[in-house]
Amino acid sequence: MDCLFCKIIEGSIPSQKVYEDDAVYAFRDINPMAPVHVLLVPKTHIPSMDGVTAENSAAVARIFEAIPKAAAAEGLTNGYRVISNCGDDACQTVKHLHFHLLGGRKLPDRMA
């Protein structure tokens, strides 16, 4: 499979790991949009939110269990934002389900 995030998970492309367990890998975004910008990905390849099924939804649950751990590790004690882009119109550039953890300052109210 020619997936950037799968290659990061397997270690063939370097990343700055923030958190890892048997189901989730979290690493710093190389183009941060906030002082803290971490990507959390399932180790199982799921192309996007549209690819979540009853068979693989446990991977998403594990990410949501990992988000507060990654946020705490990054010192996000005053809040953070979690975003997942799905599809071309939402600017999903890597077709592997991922969640952006953003924080480290007061974030703007508006998203668009």
PDB file of N, CA and C in Angstrom:
ATOM      1  N   MET A   1       0.854  -1.183   0.000  1.00  0.00           N
ATOM      2  CA  MET A   1       0.000   0.000   0.000  1.00  0.00           C
ATOM      3  C   MET A   1       0.895   1.239   0.000  1.00  0.00           C
ATOM      4  N   ASP A   2       0.518   2.227  -0.771  1.00  0.00           N
ATOM      5  CA  ASP A   2       1.316   3.444  -0.889  1.00  0.00           C
ATOM      6  C   ASP A   2       0.686   4.565  -0.074  1.00  0.00           C
ATOM      7  N   CYS A   3       0.569   4.349   1.225  1.00  0.00           N
ATOM      8  CA  CYS A   3      -0.060   5.326   2.111  1.00  0.00           C
ATOM      9  C   CYS A   3       1.002   5.972   2.993  1.00  0.00           C
ATOM     10  N   LEU A   4       1.071   7.293   2.939  1.00  0.00           N
ATOM     11  CA  LEU A   4       2.048   8.041   3.727  1.00  0.00           C
ATOM     12  C   LEU A   4       1.955   7.705   5.207  1.00  0.00           C
ATOM     13  N   PHE A   5       0.748   7.704   5.763  1.00  0.00           N
ATOM     14  CA  PHE A   5       0.608   7.454   7.197  1.00  0.00           C
ATOM     15  C   PHE A   5       0.919   6.010   7.563  1.00  0.00           C
ATOM     16  N   CYS A   6       0.604   5.059   6.689  1.00  0.00           N
ATOM     17  CA  CYS A   6       0.987   3.664   6.942  1.00  0.00           C
ATOM     18  C   CYS A   6       2.507   3.548   7.007  1.00  0.00           C
ATOM     19  N   LYS A   7       3.206   4.274   6.143  1.00  0.00           N
ATOM     20  CA  LYS A   7       4.676   4.258   6.140  1.00  0.00           C
ATOM     21  C   LYS A   7       5.228   4.910   7.406  1.00  0.00           C
ATOM     22  N   ILE A   8       4.581   5.973   7.884  1.00  0.00           N
ATOM     23  CA  ILE A   8       4.999   6.608   9.139  1.00  0.00           C
ATOM     24  C   ILE A   8       4.792   5.635  10.299  1.00  0.00           C
ATOM     25  N   ILE A   9       3.647   4.980  10.331  1.00  0.00           N
ATOM     26  CA  ILE A   9       3.347   4.020  11.399  1.00  0.00           C
ATOM     27  C   ILE A   9       4.373   2.895  11.425  1.00  0.00           C
ATOM     28  N   GLU A  10       4.739   2.370  10.266  1.00  0.00           N
ATOM     29  CA  GLU A  10       5.694   1.255  10.209  1.00  0.00           C
ATOM     30  C   GLU A  10       7.131   1.705  10.442  1.00  0.00           C
ATOM     31  N   GLY A  11       7.375   3.018  10.396  1.00  0.00           N
ATOM     32  CA  GLY A  11       8.702   3.553  10.682  1.00  0.00           C
ATOM     33  C   GLY A  11       9.584   3.760   9.470  1.00  0.00           C
ATOM     34  N   SER A  12       9.075   3.529   8.261  1.00  0.00           N
ATOM     35  CA  SER A  12       9.906   3.736   7.076  1.00  0.00           C
ATOM     36  C   SER A  12      10.008   5.218   6.696  1.00  0.00           C
ATOM     37  N   ILE A  13       9.115   6.037   7.231  1.00  0.00           N
ATOM     38  CA  ILE A  13       9.213   7.499   7.112  1.00  0.00           C
ATOM     39  C   ILE A  13       9.286   8.035   8.537  1.00  0.00           C
ATOM     40  N   PRO A  14      10.298   8.863   8.844  1.00  0.00           N
ATOM     41  CA  PRO A  14      10.452   9.356  10.217  1.00  0.00           C
ATOM     42  C   PRO A  14       9.341  10.327  10.622  1.00  0.00           C
ATOM     43  N   SER A  15       9.078  10.345  11.920  1.00  0.00           N
ATOM     44  CA  SER A  15       8.097  11.283  12.486  1.00  0.00           C
ATOM     45  C   SER A  15       8.505  11.588  13.908  1.00  0.00           C
ATOM     46  N   GLN A  16       7.896  12.615  14.469  1.00  0.00           N
ATOM     47  CA  GLN A  16       8.107  12.965  15.871  1.00  0.00           C
ATOM     48  C   GLN A  16       6.943  12.406  16.671  1.00  0.00           C
ATOM     49  N   LYS A  17       7.148  11.221  17.213  1.00  0.00           N
ATOM     50  CA  LYS A  17       6.093  10.526  17.948  1.00  0.00           C
ATOM     51  C   LYS A  17       5.754  11.274  19.231  1.00  0.00           C
ATOM     52  N   VAL A  18       4.447  11.375  19.487  1.00  0.00           N
ATOM     53  CA  VAL A  18       3.922  11.977  20.709  1.00  0.00           C
ATOM     54  C   VAL A  18       3.316  10.903  21.603  1.00  0.00           C
ATOM     55  N   TYR A  19       2.666   9.914  20.965  1.00  0.00           N
ATOM     56  CA  TYR A  19       1.970   8.862  21.712  1.00  0.00           C
ATOM     57  C   TYR A  19       1.848   7.639  20.809  1.00  0.00           C
ATOM     58  N   GLU A  20       1.900   6.457  21.433  1.00  0.00           N
ATOM     59  CA  GLU A  20       1.669   5.230  20.679  1.00  0.00           C
ATOM     60  C   GLU A  20       1.165   4.146  21.615  1.00  0.00           C
ATOM     61  N   ASP A  21       0.209   3.370  21.116  1.00  0.00           N
ATOM     62  CA  ASP A  21      -0.200   2.138  21.780  1.00  0.00           C
ATOM     63  C   ASP A  21      -0.413   1.098  20.678  1.00  0.00           C
ATOM     64  N   ASP A  22      -1.020  -0.010  20.981  1.00  0.00           N
ATOM     65  CA  ASP A  22      -1.152  -1.069  19.983  1.00  0.00           C
ATOM     66  C   ASP A  22      -2.116  -0.730  18.846  1.00  0.00           C
ATOM     67  N   ALA A  23      -2.961   0.290  19.002  1.00  0.00           N
ATOM     68  CA  ALA A  23      -3.955   0.622  17.981  1.00  0.00           C
ATOM     69  C   ALA A  23      -3.813   2.021  17.395  1.00  0.00           C
ATOM     70  N   VAL A  24      -3.068   2.904  18.069  1.00  0.00           N
ATOM     71  CA  VAL A  24      -3.018   4.327  17.708  1.00  0.00           C
ATOM     72  C   VAL A  24      -1.573   4.798  17.635  1.00  0.00           C
ATOM     73  N   TYR A  25      -1.306   5.660  16.659  1.00  0.00           N
ATOM     74  CA  TYR A  25      -0.010   6.328  16.567  1.00  0.00           C
ATOM     75  C   TYR A  25      -0.286   7.825  16.463  1.00  0.00           C
ATOM     76  N   ALA A  26       0.400   8.626  17.272  1.00  0.00           N
ATOM     77  CA  ALA A  26       0.226  10.084  17.255  1.00  0.00           C
ATOM     78  C   ALA A  26       1.586  10.733  17.040  1.00  0.00           C
ATOM     79  N   PHE A  27       1.615  11.730  16.161  1.00  0.00           N
ATOM     80  CA  PHE A  27       2.878  12.387  15.820  1.00  0.00           C
ATOM     81  C   PHE A  27       2.627  13.845  15.459  1.00  0.00           C
ATOM     82  N   ARG A  28       3.690  14.644  15.538  1.00  0.00           N
ATOM     83  CA  ARG A  28       3.583  16.076  15.237  1.00  0.00           C
ATOM     84  C   ARG A  28       3.375  16.295  13.735  1.00  0.00           C
ATOM     85  N   ASP A  29       2.466  17.217  13.416  1.00  0.00           N
ATOM     86  CA  ASP A  29       2.229  17.604  12.031  1.00  0.00           C
ATOM     87  C   ASP A  29       3.445  18.388  11.529  1.00  0.00           C
ATOM     88  N   ILE A  30       3.880  18.122  10.296  1.00  0.00           N
ATOM     89  CA  ILE A  30       5.052  18.834   9.764  1.00  0.00           C
ATOM     90  C   ILE A  30       4.714  20.243   9.294  1.00  0.00           C
ATOM     91  N   ASN A  31       3.417  20.561   9.210  1.00  0.00           N
ATOM     92  CA  ASN A  31       2.980  21.902   8.825  1.00  0.00           C
ATOM     93  C   ASN A  31       1.969  22.385   9.864  1.00  0.00           C
ATOM     94  N   PRO A  32       2.444  22.703  11.076  1.00  0.00           N
ATOM     95  CA  PRO A  32       1.517  23.001  12.177  1.00  0.00           C
ATOM     96  C   PRO A  32       0.670  24.245  11.945  1.00  0.00           C
ATOM     97  N   MET A  33      -0.608  24.139  12.328  1.00  0.00           N
ATOM     98  CA  MET A  33      -1.560  25.239  12.237  1.00  0.00           C
ATOM     99  C   MET A  33      -1.810  25.884  13.599  1.00  0.00           C
ATOM    100  N   ALA A  34      -1.137  25.398  14.620  1.00  0.00           N
ATOM    101  CA  ALA A  34      -1.240  25.923  15.982  1.00  0.00           C
ATOM    102  C   ALA A  34       0.067  25.563  16.691  1.00  0.00           C
ATOM    103  N   PRO A  35       0.347  26.179  17.833  1.00  0.00           N
ATOM    104  CA  PRO A  35       1.576  25.826  18.546  1.00  0.00           C
ATOM    105  C   PRO A  35       1.700  24.322  18.824  1.00  0.00           C
ATOM    106  N   VAL A  36       0.572  23.669  19.109  1.00  0.00           N
ATOM    107  CA  VAL A  36       0.544  22.215  19.219  1.00  0.00           C
ATOM    108  C   VAL A  36      -0.364  21.697  18.109  1.00  0.00           C
ATOM    109  N   HIS A  37       0.194  20.842  17.259  1.00  0.00           N
ATOM    110  CA  HIS A  37      -0.578  20.244  16.168  1.00  0.00           C
ATOM    111  C   HIS A  37      -0.101  18.809  16.028  1.00  0.00           C
ATOM    112  N   VAL A  38      -0.904  17.903  16.548  1.00  0.00           N
ATOM    113  CA  VAL A  38      -0.588  16.477  16.561  1.00  0.00           C
ATOM    114  C   VAL A  38      -1.618  15.748  15.715  1.00  0.00           C
ATOM    115  N   LEU A  39      -1.170  14.769  14.948  1.00  0.00           N
ATOM    116  CA  LEU A  39      -2.060  13.910  14.178  1.00  0.00           C
ATOM    117  C   LEU A  39      -2.179  12.573  14.893  1.00  0.00           C
ATOM    118  N   LEU A  40      -3.393  12.101  15.068  1.00  0.00           N
ATOM    119  CA  LEU A  40      -3.644  10.787  15.652  1.00  0.00           C
ATOM    120  C   LEU A  40      -4.254   9.917  14.575  1.00  0.00           C
ATOM    121  N   VAL A  41      -3.644   8.746  14.342  1.00  0.00           N
ATOM    122  CA  VAL A  41      -4.089   7.854  13.276  1.00  0.00           C
ATOM    123  C   VAL A  41      -4.282   6.444  13.814  1.00  0.00           C
ATOM    124  N   PRO A  42      -5.267   5.723  13.273  1.00  0.00           N
ATOM    125  CA  PRO A  42      -5.366   4.314  13.633  1.00  0.00           C
ATOM    126  C   PRO A  42      -4.262   3.542  12.917  1.00  0.00           C
ATOM    127  N   LYS A  43      -3.730   2.531  13.573  1.00  0.00           N
ATOM    128  CA  LYS A  43      -2.716   1.698  12.923  1.00  0.00           C
ATOM    129  C   LYS A  43      -3.332   0.837  11.821  1.00  0.00           C
ATOM    130  N   THR A  44      -4.622   0.625  11.901  1.00  0.00           N
ATOM    131  CA  THR A  44      -5.361  -0.050  10.840  1.00  0.00           C
ATOM    132  C   THR A  44      -5.688   0.980   9.767  1.00  0.00           C
ATOM    133  N   HIS A  45      -5.432   0.652   8.501  1.00  0.00           N
ATOM    134  CA  HIS A  45      -5.722   1.614   7.436  1.00  0.00           C
ATOM    135  C   HIS A  45      -7.231   1.717   7.220  1.00  0.00           C
ATOM    136  N   ILE A  46      -7.739   2.911   7.443  1.00  0.00           N
ATOM    137  CA  ILE A  46      -9.119   3.277   7.138  1.00  0.00           C
ATOM    138  C   ILE A  46      -8.993   4.548   6.299  1.00  0.00           C
ATOM    139  N   PRO A  47      -9.546   4.597   5.090  1.00  0.00           N
ATOM    140  CA  PRO A  47      -9.299   5.740   4.206  1.00  0.00           C
ATOM    141  C   PRO A  47      -9.804   7.092   4.721  1.00  0.00           C
ATOM    142  N   SER A  48     -10.955   7.098   5.401  1.00  0.00           N
ATOM    143  CA  SER A  48     -11.534   8.356   5.881  1.00  0.00           C
ATOM    144  C   SER A  48     -12.688   8.018   6.817  1.00  0.00           C
ATOM    145  N   MET A  49     -13.375   9.041   7.299  1.00  0.00           N
ATOM    146  CA  MET A  49     -14.554   8.816   8.135  1.00  0.00           C
ATOM    147  C   MET A  49     -15.599   7.991   7.379  1.00  0.00           C
ATOM    148  N   ASP A  50     -15.667   8.152   6.067  1.00  0.00           N
ATOM    149  CA  ASP A  50     -16.612   7.383   5.264  1.00  0.00           C
ATOM    150  C   ASP A  50     -16.298   5.889   5.261  1.00  0.00           C
ATOM    151  N   GLY A  51     -15.081   5.528   5.654  1.00  0.00           N
ATOM    152  CA  GLY A  51     -14.686   4.129   5.692  1.00  0.00           C
ATOM    153  C   GLY A  51     -14.875   3.460   7.041  1.00  0.00           C
ATOM    154  N   VAL A  52     -15.445   4.187   8.004  1.00  0.00           N
ATOM    155  CA  VAL A  52     -15.676   3.610   9.330  1.00  0.00           C
ATOM    156  C   VAL A  52     -16.894   2.686   9.262  1.00  0.00           C
ATOM    157  N   THR A  53     -16.711   1.473   9.760  1.00  0.00           N
ATOM    158  CA  THR A  53     -17.774   0.467   9.741  1.00  0.00           C
ATOM    159  C   THR A  53     -17.896  -0.162  11.134  1.00  0.00           C
ATOM    160  N   ALA A  54     -18.890  -1.003  11.284  1.00  0.00           N
ATOM    161  CA  ALA A  54     -19.046  -1.741  12.548  1.00  0.00           C
ATOM    162  C   ALA A  54     -17.815  -2.609  12.813  1.00  0.00           C
ATOM    163  N   GLU A  55     -17.180  -3.092  11.757  1.00  0.00           N
ATOM    164  CA  GLU A  55     -16.012  -3.958  11.906  1.00  0.00           C
ATOM    165  C   GLU A  55     -14.753  -3.210  12.349  1.00  0.00           C
ATOM    166  N   ASN A  56     -14.615  -1.919  12.023  1.00  0.00           N
ATOM    167  CA  ASN A  56     -13.382  -1.199  12.366  1.00  0.00           C
ATOM    168  C   ASN A  56     -13.602   0.001  13.296  1.00  0.00           C
ATOM    169  N   SER A  57     -14.821   0.215  13.742  1.00  0.00           N
ATOM    170  CA  SER A  57     -15.099   1.399  14.571  1.00  0.00           C
ATOM    171  C   SER A  57     -14.377   1.370  15.918  1.00  0.00           C
ATOM    172  N   ALA A  58     -13.944   0.211  16.366  1.00  0.00           N
ATOM    173  CA  ALA A  58     -13.176   0.146  17.616  1.00  0.00           C
ATOM    174  C   ALA A  58     -11.872   0.931  17.491  1.00  0.00           C
ATOM    175  N   ALA A  59     -11.307   0.994  16.281  1.00  0.00           N
ATOM    176  CA  ALA A  59     -10.086   1.771  16.070  1.00  0.00           C
ATOM    177  C   ALA A  59     -10.339   3.256  16.326  1.00  0.00           C
ATOM    178  N   VAL A  60     -11.511   3.728  15.951  1.00  0.00           N
ATOM    179  CA  VAL A  60     -11.869   5.132  16.180  1.00  0.00           C
ATOM    180  C   VAL A  60     -12.069   5.375  17.675  1.00  0.00           C
ATOM    181  N   ALA A  61     -12.715   4.441  18.340  1.00  0.00           N
ATOM    182  CA  ALA A  61     -12.892   4.567  19.792  1.00  0.00           C
ATOM    183  C   ALA A  61     -11.540   4.652  20.488  1.00  0.00           C
ATOM    184  N   ARG A  62     -10.583   3.863  20.032  1.00  0.00           N
ATOM    185  CA  ARG A  62      -9.255   3.884  20.644  1.00  0.00           C
ATOM    186  C   ARG A  62      -8.572   5.238  20.432  1.00  0.00           C
ATOM    187  N   ILE A  63      -8.799   5.852  19.275  1.00  0.00           N
ATOM    188  CA  ILE A  63      -8.233   7.182  19.052  1.00  0.00           C
ATOM    189  C   ILE A  63      -8.828   8.172  20.055  1.00  0.00           C
ATOM    190  N   PHE A  64     -10.141   8.098  20.264  1.00  0.00           N
ATOM    191  CA  PHE A  64     -10.769   9.027  21.198  1.00  0.00           C
ATOM    192  C   PHE A  64     -10.353   8.771  22.636  1.00  0.00           C
ATOM    193  N   GLU A  65      -9.920   7.570  22.951  1.00  0.00           N
ATOM    194  CA  GLU A  65      -9.335   7.298  24.260  1.00  0.00           C
ATOM    195  C   GLU A  65      -7.920   7.870  24.345  1.00  0.00           C
ATOM    196  N   ALA A  66      -7.217   7.902  23.225  1.00  0.00           N
ATOM    197  CA  ALA A  66      -5.838   8.403  23.191  1.00  0.00           C
ATOM    198  C   ALA A  66      -5.756   9.925  23.153  1.00  0.00           C
ATOM    199  N   ILE A  67      -6.781  10.587  22.633  1.00  0.00           N
ATOM    200  CA  ILE A  67      -6.731  12.049  22.487  1.00  0.00           C
ATOM    201  C   ILE A  67      -6.425  12.749  23.820  1.00  0.00           C
ATOM    202  N   PRO A  68      -7.133  12.462  24.918  1.00  0.00           N
ATOM    203  CA  PRO A  68      -6.794  13.170  26.158  1.00  0.00           C
ATOM    204  C   PRO A  68      -5.392  12.840  26.675  1.00  0.00           C
ATOM    205  N   LYS A  69      -4.893  11.648  26.389  1.00  0.00           N
ATOM    206  CA  LYS A  69      -3.525  11.295  26.788  1.00  0.00           C
ATOM    207  C   LYS A  69      -2.516  12.119  26.014  1.00  0.00           C
ATOM    208  N   ALA A  70      -2.706  12.237  24.703  1.00  0.00           N
ATOM    209  CA  ALA A  70      -1.804  13.046  23.884  1.00  0.00           C
ATOM    210  C   ALA A  70      -1.903  14.517  24.271  1.00  0.00           C
ATOM    211  N   ALA A  71      -3.128  14.991  24.528  1.00  0.00           N
ATOM    212  CA  ALA A  71      -3.314  16.391  24.936  1.00  0.00           C
ATOM    213  C   ALA A  71      -2.591  16.663  26.254  1.00  0.00           C
ATOM    214  N   ALA A  72      -2.696  15.765  27.203  1.00  0.00           N
ATOM    215  CA  ALA A  72      -2.015  15.931  28.490  1.00  0.00           C
ATOM    216  C   ALA A  72      -0.501  15.909  28.307  1.00  0.00           C
ATOM    217  N   ALA A  73      -0.015  15.008  27.467  1.00  0.00           N
ATOM    218  CA  ALA A  73       1.422  14.921  27.213  1.00  0.00           C
ATOM    219  C   ALA A  73       1.957  16.207  26.584  1.00  0.00           C
ATOM    220  N   GLU A  74       1.109  16.905  25.846  1.00  0.00           N
ATOM    221  CA  GLU A  74       1.500  18.158  25.197  1.00  0.00           C
ATOM    222  C   GLU A  74       1.211  19.385  26.059  1.00  0.00           C
ATOM    223  N   GLY A  75       0.691  19.177  27.266  1.00  0.00           N
ATOM    224  CA  GLY A  75       0.429  20.289  28.176  1.00  0.00           C
ATOM    225  C   GLY A  75      -0.805  21.100  27.837  1.00  0.00           C
ATOM    226  N   LEU A  76      -1.757  20.521  27.139  1.00  0.00           N
ATOM    227  CA  LEU A  76      -2.966  21.251  26.743  1.00  0.00           C
ATOM    228  C   LEU A  76      -3.991  21.199  27.878  1.00  0.00           C
ATOM    229  N   THR A  77      -3.718  21.950  28.927  1.00  0.00           N
ATOM    230  CA  THR A  77      -4.564  21.930  30.125  1.00  0.00           C
ATOM    231  C   THR A  77      -5.726  22.914  30.048  1.00  0.00           C
ATOM    232  N   ASN A  78      -5.705  23.810  29.066  1.00  0.00           N
ATOM    233  CA  ASN A  78      -6.747  24.832  28.983  1.00  0.00           C
ATOM    234  C   ASN A  78      -7.677  24.617  27.791  1.00  0.00           C
ATOM    235  N   GLY A  79      -7.615  23.442  27.179  1.00  0.00           N
ATOM    236  CA  GLY A  79      -8.496  23.135  26.068  1.00  0.00           C
ATOM    237  C   GLY A  79      -7.750  22.854  24.778  1.00  0.00           C
ATOM    238  N   TYR A  80      -8.463  22.248  23.856  1.00  0.00           N
ATOM    239  CA  TYR A  80      -7.912  21.898  22.552  1.00  0.00           C
ATOM    240  C   TYR A  80      -9.061  21.634  21.587  1.00  0.00           C
ATOM    241  N   ARG A  81      -8.719  21.522  20.309  1.00  0.00           N
ATOM    242  CA  ARG A  81      -9.692  21.238  19.258  1.00  0.00           C
ATOM    243  C   ARG A  81      -9.276  19.955  18.541  1.00  0.00           C
ATOM    244  N   VAL A  82     -10.273  19.159  18.146  1.00  0.00           N
ATOM    245  CA  VAL A  82     -10.032  17.940  17.379  1.00  0.00           C
ATOM    246  C   VAL A  82     -10.820  18.041  16.079  1.00  0.00           C
ATOM    247  N   ILE A  83     -10.127  17.799  14.957  1.00  0.00           N
ATOM    248  CA  ILE A  83     -10.745  17.927  13.634  1.00  0.00           C
ATOM    249  C   ILE A  83     -10.379  16.703  12.797  1.00  0.00           C
ATOM    250  N   SER A  84     -11.339  16.228  12.002  1.00  0.00           N
ATOM    251  CA  SER A  84     -11.055  15.219  10.993  1.00  0.00           C
ATOM    252  C   SER A  84     -11.668  15.675   9.678  1.00  0.00           C
ATOM    253  N   ASN A  85     -10.844  15.806   8.666  1.00  0.00           N
ATOM    254  CA  ASN A  85     -11.306  16.183   7.340  1.00  0.00           C
ATOM    255  C   ASN A  85     -11.676  14.912   6.584  1.00  0.00           C
ATOM    256  N   CYS A  86     -12.783  14.961   5.848  1.00  0.00           N
ATOM    257  CA  CYS A  86     -13.253  13.784   5.116  1.00  0.00           C
ATOM    258  C   CYS A  86     -13.529  14.160   3.671  1.00  0.00           C
ATOM    259  N   GLY A  87     -12.671  13.711   2.760  1.00  0.00           N
ATOM    260  CA  GLY A  87     -12.886  13.940   1.338  1.00  0.00           C
ATOM    261  C   GLY A  87     -12.219  15.192   0.806  1.00  0.00           C
ATOM    262  N   ASP A  88     -12.267  15.320  -0.492  1.00  0.00           N
ATOM    263  CA  ASP A  88     -11.578  16.412  -1.181  1.00  0.00           C
ATOM    264  C   ASP A  88     -12.125  17.791  -0.814  1.00  0.00           C
ATOM    265  N   ASP A  89     -13.442  17.933  -0.705  1.00  0.00           N
ATOM    266  CA  ASP A  89     -14.016  19.243  -0.380  1.00  0.00           C
ATOM    267  C   ASP A  89     -13.620  19.711   1.024  1.00  0.00           C
ATOM    268  N   ALA A  90     -13.277  18.786   1.894  1.00  0.00           N
ATOM    269  CA  ALA A  90     -12.828  19.141   3.245  1.00  0.00           C
ATOM    270  C   ALA A  90     -11.305  19.222   3.323  1.00  0.00           C
ATOM    271  N   CYS A  91     -10.633  19.074   2.171  1.00  0.00           N
ATOM    272  CA  CYS A  91      -9.177  19.167   2.068  1.00  0.00           C
ATOM    273  C   CYS A  91      -8.451  18.029   2.783  1.00  0.00           C
ATOM    274  N   GLN A  92      -9.003  16.826   2.716  1.00  0.00           N
ATOM    275  CA  GLN A  92      -8.300  15.653   3.239  1.00  0.00           C
ATOM    276  C   GLN A  92      -7.198  15.315   2.253  1.00  0.00           C
ATOM    277  N   THR A  93      -5.950  15.553   2.638  1.00  0.00           N
ATOM    278  CA  THR A  93      -4.831  15.366   1.715  1.00  0.00           C
ATOM    279  C   THR A  93      -4.217  13.973   1.801  1.00  0.00           C
ATOM    280  N   VAL A  94      -4.323  13.316   2.943  1.00  0.00           N
ATOM    281  CA  VAL A  94      -3.833  11.944   3.086  1.00  0.00           C
ATOM    282  C   VAL A  94      -5.041  11.054   3.311  1.00  0.00           C
ATOM    283  N   LYS A  95      -5.205  10.078   2.452  1.00  0.00           N
ATOM    284  CA  LYS A  95      -6.387   9.205   2.505  1.00  0.00           C
ATOM    285  C   LYS A  95      -6.187   8.067   3.512  1.00  0.00           C
ATOM    286  N   HIS A  96      -5.946   8.454   4.747  1.00  0.00           N
ATOM    287  CA  HIS A  96      -5.861   7.549   5.904  1.00  0.00           C
ATOM    288  C   HIS A  96      -6.524   8.341   7.025  1.00  0.00           C
ATOM    289  N   LEU A  97      -7.561   7.774   7.616  1.00  0.00           N
ATOM    290  CA  LEU A  97      -8.290   8.468   8.677  1.00  0.00           C
ATOM    291  C   LEU A  97      -7.314   9.048   9.694  1.00  0.00           C
ATOM    292  N   HIS A  98      -7.491  10.314  10.004  1.00  0.00           N
ATOM    293  CA  HIS A  98      -6.644  10.945  11.013  1.00  0.00           C
ATOM    294  C   HIS A  98      -7.394  12.106  11.657  1.00  0.00           C
ATOM    295  N   PHE A  99      -6.967  12.394  12.859  1.00  0.00           N
ATOM    296  CA  PHE A  99      -7.572  13.461  13.649  1.00  0.00           C
ATOM    297  C   PHE A  99      -6.488  14.459  14.010  1.00  0.00           C
ATOM    298  N   HIS A 100      -6.771  15.736  13.794  1.00  0.00           N
ATOM    299  CA  HIS A 100      -5.859  16.819  14.144  1.00  0.00           C
ATOM    300  C   HIS A 100      -6.174  17.264  15.568  1.00  0.00           C
ATOM    301  N   LEU A 101      -5.187  17.241  16.421  1.00  0.00           N
ATOM    302  CA  LEU A 101      -5.279  17.767  17.782  1.00  0.00           C
ATOM    303  C   LEU A 101      -4.569  19.110  17.772  1.00  0.00           C
ATOM    304  N   LEU A 102      -5.320  20.186  17.995  1.00  0.00           N
ATOM    305  CA  LEU A 102      -4.785  21.549  17.912  1.00  0.00           C
ATOM    306  C   LEU A 102      -4.942  22.263  19.242  1.00  0.00           C
ATOM    307  N   GLY A 103      -3.931  23.003  19.630  1.00  0.00           N
ATOM    308  CA  GLY A 103      -4.021  23.780  20.861  1.00  0.00           C
ATOM    309  C   GLY A 103      -2.743  24.550  21.117  1.00  0.00           C
ATOM    310  N   GLY A 104      -2.590  24.963  22.355  1.00  0.00           N
ATOM    311  CA  GLY A 104      -1.408  25.723  22.739  1.00  0.00           C
ATOM    312  C   GLY A 104      -1.616  27.222  22.739  1.00  0.00           C
ATOM    313  N   ARG A 105      -2.795  27.656  22.350  1.00  0.00           N
ATOM    314  CA  ARG A 105      -3.185  29.069  22.397  1.00  0.00           C
ATOM    315  C   ARG A 105      -4.693  29.134  22.225  1.00  0.00           C
ATOM    316  N   LYS A 106      -5.270  30.308  22.424  1.00  0.00           N
ATOM    317  CA  LYS A 106      -6.697  30.503  22.171  1.00  0.00           C
ATOM    318  C   LYS A 106      -6.926  30.375  20.676  1.00  0.00           C
ATOM    319  N   LEU A 107      -7.775  29.433  20.287  1.00  0.00           N
ATOM    320  CA  LEU A 107      -8.057  29.213  18.877  1.00  0.00           C
ATOM    321  C   LEU A 107      -9.220  30.083  18.411  1.00  0.00           C
ATOM    322  N   PRO A 108      -9.271  30.438  17.131  1.00  0.00           N
ATOM    323  CA  PRO A 108     -10.349  31.291  16.639  1.00  0.00           C
ATOM    324  C   PRO A 108     -11.713  30.603  16.744  1.00  0.00           C
ATOM    325  N   ASP A 109     -12.765  31.405  16.925  1.00  0.00           N
ATOM    326  CA  ASP A 109     -14.128  30.887  17.017  1.00  0.00           C
ATOM    327  C   ASP A 109     -14.545  30.197  15.730  1.00  0.00           C
ATOM    328  N   ARG A 110     -14.267  30.874  14.628  1.00  0.00           N
ATOM    329  CA  ARG A 110     -14.787  30.408  13.339  1.00  0.00           C
ATOM    330  C   ARG A 110     -13.853  29.382  12.716  1.00  0.00           C
ATOM    331  N   MET A 111     -14.477  28.417  12.068  1.00  0.00           N
ATOM    332  CA  MET A 111     -13.718  27.382  11.381  1.00  0.00           C
ATOM    333  C   MET A 111     -13.606  27.652   9.889  1.00  0.00           C
ATOM    334  N   ALA A 112     -14.474  28.493   9.346  1.00  0.00           N
ATOM    335  CA  ALA A 112     -14.437  28.748   7.907  1.00  0.00           C
ATOM    336  C   ALA A 112     -14.524  30.218   7.626  1.00  0.00           C
TER     337      ALA A 112
END
